[in-house]
Amino acid sequence: MKTEAELSKITGLTREYLKRMRLSGKLKQGVHYFKLSERTIMYDDNAFFEYIKAKNENIHEGVKDLGYLVSRWKANKKSNRANGYKGEQKAS
């Protein structure tokens, strides 16, 4: 799970563009993102990139190549693992 700022940094998409994707219905609440409060939104980065790959579309003029976008995401995940980050810890 990523915050809007983290997903924006990974993808190069603006926070405003992510918001427009949510409000237009392209991204579904409970699937692609979760509203923790009025001001806190978390994105399921795996679901987000699966959506992008399934649509195989150029979602933003700043992102010319879907492969580049996915490679940035994978590099970020690999870097997190190398630094010992294990992702969200689920409460038991």
Protein backbone atom coordinates (compact mmCIF):
# COMPACT_ATOMS: atom_id res chain seq x y z
CA MET A 1 0.00 0.00 0.00
CA LYS A 2 1.22 3.46 -0.86
CA THR A 3 0.14 6.96 0.04
CA GLU A 4 -0.88 9.29 -2.76
CA ALA A 5 2.47 11.09 -2.45
CA GLU A 6 4.42 7.80 -2.66
CA LEU A 7 2.46 6.56 -5.69
CA SER A 8 2.92 9.95 -7.34
CA LYS A 9 6.68 9.78 -6.78
CA ILE A 10 6.94 6.19 -8.08
CA THR A 11 4.85 6.76 -11.21
CA GLY A 12 5.63 10.37 -12.04
CA LEU A 13 1.88 11.09 -12.09
CA THR A 14 0.67 14.14 -10.21
CA ARG A 15 -1.49 13.78 -7.13
CA GLU A 16 -4.16 15.78 -8.96
CA TYR A 17 -4.12 13.27 -11.83
CA LEU A 18 -4.51 10.35 -9.39
CA LYS A 19 -7.44 12.21 -7.82
CA ARG A 20 -9.06 12.67 -11.24
CA MET A 21 -8.65 8.93 -11.91
CA ARG A 22 -10.47 8.21 -8.63
CA LEU A 23 -13.25 10.73 -9.18
CA SER A 24 -13.85 9.63 -12.77
CA GLY A 25 -14.34 6.04 -11.61
CA LYS A 26 -11.29 4.64 -13.39
CA LEU A 27 -9.89 3.60 -10.01
CA LYS A 28 -12.32 1.78 -7.74
CA GLN A 29 -12.55 2.32 -4.00
CA GLY A 30 -11.89 -0.93 -2.15
CA VAL A 31 -9.88 -2.28 -5.09
CA HIS A 32 -7.36 0.33 -6.23
CA TYR A 33 -7.55 2.68 -3.25
CA PHE A 34 -8.85 2.83 0.30
CA LYS A 35 -10.11 5.89 2.16
CA LEU A 36 -8.81 5.70 5.71
CA SER A 37 -10.26 9.11 6.57
CA GLU A 38 -11.46 12.20 4.74
CA ARG A 39 -7.86 13.24 4.10
CA THR A 40 -5.99 9.93 4.02
CA ILE A 41 -6.08 7.71 0.94
CA MET A 42 -3.93 4.63 0.47
CA TYR A 43 -3.41 3.00 -2.91
CA ASP A 44 -2.91 -0.70 -3.53
CA ASP A 45 0.07 -0.31 -5.84
CA ASN A 46 -0.27 -3.90 -7.14
CA ALA A 47 -3.92 -3.33 -8.13
CA PHE A 48 -3.04 0.07 -9.61
CA PHE A 49 -0.34 -1.36 -11.88
CA GLU A 50 -2.50 -4.34 -12.85
CA TYR A 51 -5.16 -1.84 -13.93
CA ILE A 52 -2.61 0.12 -15.96
CA LYS A 53 -1.26 -3.05 -17.60
CA ALA A 54 -4.79 -4.31 -18.36
CA LYS A 55 -5.78 -1.01 -19.94
CA ASN A 56 -2.43 -0.79 -21.75
CA GLU A 57 -3.02 2.89 -22.24
CA ASN A 58 -0.90 5.99 -22.07
CA ILE A 59 -2.47 7.42 -18.93
CA HIS A 60 -0.56 10.68 -18.88
CA GLU A 61 1.40 12.66 -21.41
CA GLY A 62 4.36 12.60 -19.02
CA VAL A 63 4.45 8.82 -19.15
CA LYS A 64 5.27 7.90 -22.72
CA ASP A 65 6.06 4.25 -22.13
CA LEU A 66 4.09 1.81 -19.99
CA GLY A 67 7.20 -0.37 -19.68
CA TYR A 68 9.06 2.54 -18.12
CA LEU A 69 6.29 3.10 -15.59
CA VAL A 70 6.22 -0.57 -14.58
CA SER A 71 10.03 -0.75 -14.43
CA ARG A 72 10.08 2.21 -11.99
CA TRP A 73 7.56 0.43 -9.81
CA LYS A 74 9.54 -2.84 -9.83
CA ALA A 75 12.80 -1.02 -9.08
CA ASN A 76 11.15 0.71 -6.13
CA LYS A 77 9.87 -2.63 -4.77
CA LYS A 78 13.34 -4.19 -5.16
CA SER A 79 14.95 -1.22 -3.41
CA ASN A 80 12.47 -1.49 -0.53
CA ARG A 81 13.26 -5.21 -0.09
CA ALA A 82 16.99 -4.53 -0.18
CA ASN A 83 16.55 -1.94 2.57
CA GLY A 84 14.55 -4.33 4.74
CA TYR A 85 11.10 -2.80 4.19
CA LYS A 86 8.51 -5.56 4.32
CA GLY A 87 5.44 -3.50 3.45
CA GLU A 88 2.36 -2.98 5.52
CA GLN A 89 2.24 -5.13 8.63
CA LYS A 90 -1.17 -6.69 9.19
CA ALA A 91 -2.56 -6.71 12.69
CA SER A 92 -3.41 -10.17 13.98
